[in-house]
C-alpha atoms as a PDB file:
ATOM      1  CA  MET A   1      -0.233   0.089  -0.023  1.00  0.00           C
ATOM      2  CA  ALA A   2       2.913   2.612   0.884  1.00  0.00           C
ATOM      3  CA  ARG A   3       4.351   1.907  -2.735  1.00  0.00           C
ATOM      4  CA  GLN A   4       1.120   2.774  -3.984  1.00  0.00           C
ATOM      5  CA  PHE A   5       0.771   5.950  -2.186  1.00  0.00           C
ATOM      6  CA  THR A   6       4.470   6.883  -3.089  1.00  0.00           C
ATOM      7  CA  ASP A   7       3.695   6.102  -6.892  1.00  0.00           C
ATOM      8  CA  ARG A   8       0.609   8.223  -6.686  1.00  0.00           C
ATOM      9  CA  ASP A   9       2.387  11.346  -5.448  1.00  0.00           C
ATOM     10  CA  GLN A  10       5.210  10.700  -7.730  1.00  0.00           C
ATOM     11  CA  ALA A  11       2.954  10.783 -10.638  1.00  0.00           C
ATOM     12  CA  ALA A  12       1.421  13.691  -9.161  1.00  0.00           C
ATOM     13  CA  THR A  13       4.896  15.891  -8.811  1.00  0.00           C
ATOM     14  CA  ALA A  14       5.908  14.730 -12.325  1.00  0.00           C
ATOM     15  CA  ASN A  15       2.771  15.778 -13.938  1.00  0.00           C
ATOM     16  CA  ARG A  16       2.559  19.228 -11.689  1.00  0.00           C
ATOM     17  CA  ASP A  17       1.666  20.936 -15.260  1.00  0.00           C
ATOM     18  CA  GLY A  18      -1.055  18.978 -16.243  1.00  0.00           C
ATOM     19  CA  GLU A  19      -4.783  18.929 -15.721  1.00  0.00           C
ATOM     20  CA  TYR A  20      -6.258  16.614 -12.800  1.00  0.00           C
ATOM     21  CA  VAL A  21      -9.494  14.738 -12.690  1.00  0.00           C
ATOM     22  CA  LEU A  22      -9.784  12.631  -9.574  1.00  0.00           C
ATOM     23  CA  TRP A  23     -12.663   9.680  -9.700  1.00  0.00           C
ATOM     24  CA  PHE A  24     -13.370   9.130  -5.907  1.00  0.00           C
ATOM     25  CA  GLU A  25     -16.251   7.165  -4.031  1.00  0.00           C
ATOM     26  CA  ALA A  26     -17.996   8.487  -0.632  1.00  0.00           C
ATOM     27  CA  ASP A  27     -16.278   6.078   2.021  1.00  0.00           C
ATOM     28  CA  LEU A  28     -13.891   7.083   4.066  1.00  0.00           C
ATOM     29  CA  TYR A  29     -11.014   5.904   2.729  1.00  0.00           C
ATOM     30  CA  ASP A  30     -11.488   7.770  -0.628  1.00  0.00           C
ATOM     31  CA  GLN A  31     -12.439  10.995   1.598  1.00  0.00           C
ATOM     32  CA  LEU A  32      -9.175  11.200   3.159  1.00  0.00           C
ATOM     33  CA  GLN A  33      -7.267  10.366   0.384  1.00  0.00           C
ATOM     34  CA  ILE A  34      -8.960  13.344  -1.660  1.00  0.00           C
ATOM     35  CA  ILE A  35      -7.775  15.728   1.329  1.00  0.00           C
ATOM     36  CA  GLU A  36      -4.127  14.426   1.188  1.00  0.00           C
ATOM     37  CA  ILE A  37      -4.063  14.518  -2.715  1.00  0.00           C
ATOM     38  CA  LEU A  38      -5.497  18.119  -2.972  1.00  0.00           C
ATOM     39  CA  ALA A  39      -3.135  19.118  -0.109  1.00  0.00           C
ATOM     40  CA  ARG A  40      -0.152  17.765  -2.066  1.00  0.00           C
ATOM     41  CA  LEU A  41      -1.485  19.445  -5.121  1.00  0.00           C
ATOM     42  CA  ALA A  42      -1.790  22.833  -3.491  1.00  0.00           C
ATOM     43  CA  ASP A  43       2.013  22.350  -2.580  1.00  0.00           C
ATOM     44  CA  LEU A  44       2.866  21.861  -5.792  1.00  0.00           C
ATOM     45  CA  GLY A  45       1.378  24.532  -6.884  1.00  0.00           C
ATOM     46  CA  VAL A  46      -1.306  23.241  -9.368  1.00  0.00           C
ATOM     47  CA  PRO A  47      -4.013  26.038  -9.917  1.00  0.00           C
ATOM     48  CA  ALA A  48      -7.374  25.081  -8.525  1.00  0.00           C
ATOM     49  CA  GLY A  49      -8.747  25.426 -12.185  1.00  0.00           C
ATOM     50  CA  ARG A  50      -6.844  22.281 -13.190  1.00  0.00           C
ATOM     51  CA  VAL A  51      -8.103  20.102 -11.041  1.00  0.00           C
ATOM     52  CA  THR A  52     -11.877  18.281 -11.340  1.00  0.00           C
ATOM     53  CA  LEU A  53     -13.077  16.346  -8.824  1.00  0.00           C
ATOM     54  CA  ILE A  54     -15.742  13.401  -9.355  1.00  0.00           C
ATOM     55  CA  CYS A  55     -17.305  12.164  -6.637  1.00  0.00           C
ATOM     56  CA  ILE A  56     -20.207   9.599  -5.717  1.00  0.00           C
ATOM     57  CA  GLY A  57     -21.925   8.139  -2.950  1.00  0.00           C
ATOM     58  CA  GLU A  58     -24.930   7.216  -5.027  1.00  0.00           C
ATOM     59  CA  HIS A  59     -26.750   6.521  -8.233  1.00  0.00           C
ATOM     60  CA  PRO A  60     -30.213   6.560  -9.518  1.00  0.00           C
ATOM     61  CA  GLY A  61     -31.591   3.353  -9.723  1.00  0.00           C
ATOM     62  CA  ILE A  62     -28.945   1.378  -7.633  1.00  0.00           C
ATOM     63  CA  ALA A  63     -30.690   0.923  -4.178  1.00  0.00           C
ATOM     64  CA  ARG A  64     -27.266  -0.254  -2.322  1.00  0.00           C
ATOM     65  CA  PHE A  65     -24.425   1.456  -4.215  1.00  0.00           C
ATOM     66  CA  GLY A  66     -20.957   0.138  -3.658  1.00  0.00           C
ATOM     67  CA  GLY A  67     -19.317   2.173  -5.845  1.00  0.00           C
ATOM     68  CA  LEU A  68     -17.657   3.267  -9.299  1.00  0.00           C
ATOM     69  CA  GLY A  69     -17.159  -0.290 -10.292  1.00  0.00           C
ATOM     70  CA  GLU A  70     -20.990  -1.206 -10.255  1.00  0.00           C
ATOM     71  CA  LEU A  71     -21.438   1.587 -13.105  1.00  0.00           C
ATOM     72  CA  THR A  72     -21.715   0.957 -16.712  1.00  0.00           C
ATOM     73  CA  ALA A  73     -19.626   2.339 -19.144  1.00  0.00           C
ATOM     74  CA  ASP A  74     -22.262   4.684 -20.168  1.00  0.00           C
ATOM     75  CA  GLN A  75     -23.146   5.316 -16.237  1.00  0.00           C
ATOM     76  CA  LEU A  76     -19.583   6.485 -16.005  1.00  0.00           C
ATOM     77  CA  ARG A  77     -19.393   8.604 -19.020  1.00  0.00           C
ATOM     78  CA  GLU A  78     -22.479  10.725 -17.576  1.00  0.00           C
ATOM     79  CA  LEU A  79     -20.534  11.603 -14.222  1.00  0.00           C
ATOM     80  CA  PRO A  80     -18.561  14.320 -15.428  1.00  0.00           C
ATOM     81  CA  HIS A  81     -22.347  15.977 -16.527  1.00  0.00           C
ATOM     82  CA  THR A  82     -23.559  15.900 -13.257  1.00  0.00           C
ATOM     83  CA  ASN A  83     -23.399  17.338  -9.716  1.00  0.00           C
ATOM     84  CA  ALA A  84     -20.953  14.834  -8.630  1.00  0.00           C
ATOM     85  CA  CYS A  85     -18.136  16.546 -10.700  1.00  0.00           C
ATOM     86  CA  ALA A  86     -16.635  19.933  -9.621  1.00  0.00           C
ATOM     87  CA  ARG A  87     -13.916  21.726 -11.312  1.00  0.00           C
ATOM     88  CA  LEU A  88     -12.183  23.057  -7.826  1.00  0.00           C
ATOM     89  CA  THR A  89     -11.393  26.569  -6.642  1.00  0.00           C
ATOM     90  CA  PRO A  90      -8.774  27.981  -4.818  1.00  0.00           C
ATOM     91  CA  GLY A  91     -10.715  27.919  -1.811  1.00  0.00           C
ATOM     92  CA  ALA A  92     -10.955  24.092  -2.166  1.00  0.00           C
ATOM     93  CA  LEU A  93      -7.462  23.528  -2.099  1.00  0.00           C
ATOM     94  CA  GLU A  94      -6.837  25.563   0.763  1.00  0.00           C
ATOM     95  CA  LEU A  95      -9.404  23.921   2.770  1.00  0.00           C
ATOM     96  CA  ALA A  96      -8.354  20.694   1.909  1.00  0.00           C
ATOM     97  CA  THR A  97      -4.858  21.859   2.662  1.00  0.00           C
ATOM     98  CA  ARG A  98      -6.202  22.802   6.257  1.00  0.00           C
ATOM     99  CA  ALA A  99      -8.058  19.684   6.547  1.00  0.00           C
ATOM    100  CA  TRP A 100      -5.402  17.136   6.008  1.00  0.00           C
ATOM    101  CA  ALA A 101      -3.279  19.185   8.340  1.00  0.00           C
ATOM    102  CA  ALA A 102      -5.998  18.963  10.886  1.00  0.00           C
ATOM    103  CA  PHE A 103      -6.010  15.308  10.487  1.00  0.00           C
ATOM    104  CA  ARG A 104      -2.533  14.556  10.966  1.00  0.00           C
ATOM    105  CA  ALA A 105      -2.180  16.659  14.030  1.00  0.00           C
ATOM    106  CA  PRO A 106      -1.805  14.563  17.353  1.00  0.00           C
ATOM    107  CA  ALA A 107      -5.153  15.512  18.501  1.00  0.00           C
ATOM    108  CA  SER A 108      -8.521  15.762  16.719  1.00  0.00           C
ATOM    109  CA  ASP A 109      -9.515  19.395  18.275  1.00  0.00           C
ATOM    110  CA  GLY A 110      -9.339  21.661  15.094  1.00  0.00           C
ATOM    111  CA  LEU A 111     -11.516  18.988  13.104  1.00  0.00           C
ATOM    112  CA  ALA A 112     -14.529  20.518  13.814  1.00  0.00           C
ATOM    113  CA  ALA A 113     -13.721  23.858  12.472  1.00  0.00           C
ATOM    114  CA  ILE A 114     -12.701  22.258   9.161  1.00  0.00           C
ATOM    115  CA  ALA A 115     -15.722  20.121   9.103  1.00  0.00           C
ATOM    116  CA  ASP A 116     -18.156  23.049   8.763  1.00  0.00           C
ATOM    117  CA  GLY A 117     -16.731  24.123   5.741  1.00  0.00           C
ATOM    118  CA  ALA A 118     -16.079  20.732   3.899  1.00  0.00           C
ATOM    119  CA  PRO A 119     -19.071  18.419   3.800  1.00  0.00           C
ATOM    120  CA  PHE A 120     -17.015  15.600   2.181  1.00  0.00           C
ATOM    121  CA  ALA A 121     -14.248  15.611   4.649  1.00  0.00           C
ATOM    122  CA  GLY A 122     -16.433  16.786   7.430  1.00  0.00           C
ATOM    123  CA  ALA A 123     -18.102  13.420   7.219  1.00  0.00           C
ATOM    124  CA  ALA A 124     -14.972  11.552   7.105  1.00  0.00           C
ATOM    125  CA  PHE A 125     -13.601  13.141  10.251  1.00  0.00           C
ATOM    126  CA  ALA A 126     -16.859  12.594  11.874  1.00  0.00           C
ATOM    127  CA  ARG A 127     -16.531   8.762  11.042  1.00  0.00           C
ATOM    128  CA  ALA A 128     -12.399   9.155  12.437  1.00  0.00           C
ATOM    129  CA  GLN A 129     -13.613  10.688  15.247  1.00  0.00           C
ATOM    130  CA  ALA A 130     -16.222   8.169  16.108  1.00  0.00           C
ATOM    131  CA  ARG A 131     -13.639   5.551  15.630  1.00  0.00           C
ATOM    132  CA  GLU A 132     -11.334   7.475  18.142  1.00  0.00           C
ATOM    133  CA  THR A 133     -14.075   7.141  20.690  1.00  0.00           C
ATOM    134  CA  ARG A 134     -14.943   3.493  20.059  1.00  0.00           C
ATOM    135  CA  PRO A 135     -12.339   1.508  18.344  1.00  0.00           C
ATOM    136  CA  TYR A 136     -13.332  -1.676  16.650  1.00  0.00           C
ATOM    137  CA  GLN A 137     -16.877  -1.799  16.227  1.00  0.00           C
ATOM    138  CA  GLY A 138     -16.877  -4.594  13.612  1.00  0.00           C
ATOM    139  CA  ASP A 139     -15.241  -2.471  10.965  1.00  0.00           C
ATOM    140  CA  THR A 140     -11.876  -4.341  10.229  1.00  0.00           C
ATOM    141  CA  SER A 141     -10.629  -1.638   7.659  1.00  0.00           C
ATOM    142  CA  ALA A 142     -10.418   0.929  10.375  1.00  0.00           C
ATOM    143  CA  SER A 143     -10.705  -0.734  13.638  1.00  0.00           C
ATOM    144  CA  VAL A 144      -7.727   1.012  15.275  1.00  0.00           C
ATOM    145  CA  GLY A 145      -9.210   4.337  16.087  1.00  0.00           C
ATOM    146  CA  TRP A 146      -7.678   7.952  15.279  1.00  0.00           C
ATOM    147  CA  ALA A 147      -3.891   6.921  15.760  1.00  0.00           C
ATOM    148  CA  GLY A 148      -4.385   3.957  13.362  1.00  0.00           C
ATOM    149  CA  TRP A 149      -5.881   6.020  10.485  1.00  0.00           C
ATOM    150  CA  GLN A 150      -2.671   8.657  10.894  1.00  0.00           C
ATOM    151  CA  LYS A 151      -0.506   6.019  10.870  1.00  0.00           C
ATOM    152  CA  GLY A 152      -1.990   3.724   8.131  1.00  0.00           C
ATOM    153  CA  ARG A 153      -1.858   6.633   6.452  1.00  0.00           C
ATOM    154  CA  THR A 154     -18.472   9.950   4.038  1.00  0.00           C
ATOM    155  CA  ARG A 155     -20.245  10.200   2.771  1.00  0.00           C
ATOM    156  CA  CYS A 156     -20.023  12.652   0.113  1.00  0.00           C
ATOM    157  CA  SER A 157     -23.478  14.400  -1.008  1.00  0.00           C
ATOM    158  CA  ALA A 158     -22.947  14.908  -4.631  1.00  0.00           C
ATOM    159  CA  SER A 159     -26.009  14.027  -6.437  1.00  0.00           C
ATOM    160  CA  THR A 160     -26.049  12.825  -9.808  1.00  0.00           C
ATOM    161  CA  ARG A 161     -28.740  14.556 -11.531  1.00  0.00           C
ATOM    162  CA  PRO A 162     -27.505  16.473 -14.466  1.00  0.00           C
ATOM    163  CA  ALA A 163     -26.009  19.857 -13.825  1.00  0.00           C
ATOM    164  CA  ALA A 164     -23.997  22.216 -15.613  1.00  0.00           C
ATOM    165  CA  PRO A 165     -20.609  20.872 -16.882  1.00  0.00           C
ATOM    166  CA  CYS A 166     -17.279  20.489 -14.921  1.00  0.00           C
ATOM    167  CA  SER A 167     -16.147  23.680 -16.510  1.00  0.00           C
ATOM    168  CA  GLU A 168     -18.354  25.516 -13.515  1.00  0.00           C
ATOM    169  CA  GLN A 169     -15.966  26.071 -10.353  1.00  0.00           C
ATOM    170  CA  ARG A 170     -17.565  25.086  -7.360  1.00  0.00           C
ATOM    171  CA  ASP A 171     -15.815  25.145  -3.845  1.00  0.00           C
ATOM    172  CA  CYS A 172     -15.658  21.264  -2.863  1.00  0.00           C
ATOM    173  CA  ALA A 173     -13.293  19.254  -1.017  1.00  0.00           C
END
């Protein structure tokens, strides 16, 4: 897993002059990757207008949506033209940078202030904090609580109804 993160970060650095389209799901793991990647892109000086985020937590007609892998090619092609897609703003990158710093901090005190401005990260933080107070509730992916999430280094509310194409800038992190 560490190798995959290293490869991901190297690719981001090597392509810092390019366009980024990030496809993620609404689960906690993906939400944490989003704030980490956006913070990394901000550190690299990538302008927010070159970053597009597609995040989906549900899809019409799928009662128990499990992720992007369930979608057909046609459904995937539609996502960039829905509210699941947003071209980011400088404020979104700033917020993701603060969120990533708050998440990596030794204590979780600063997370509440970040959560108010970032619905995606806010849900991830709420779930991580819940695990801190009650580690292991049968969820083996994050049973080690807050310290484990930091060491191992949600739900997104994006709807898939048709909207303006991703060229429209919206704050989202």
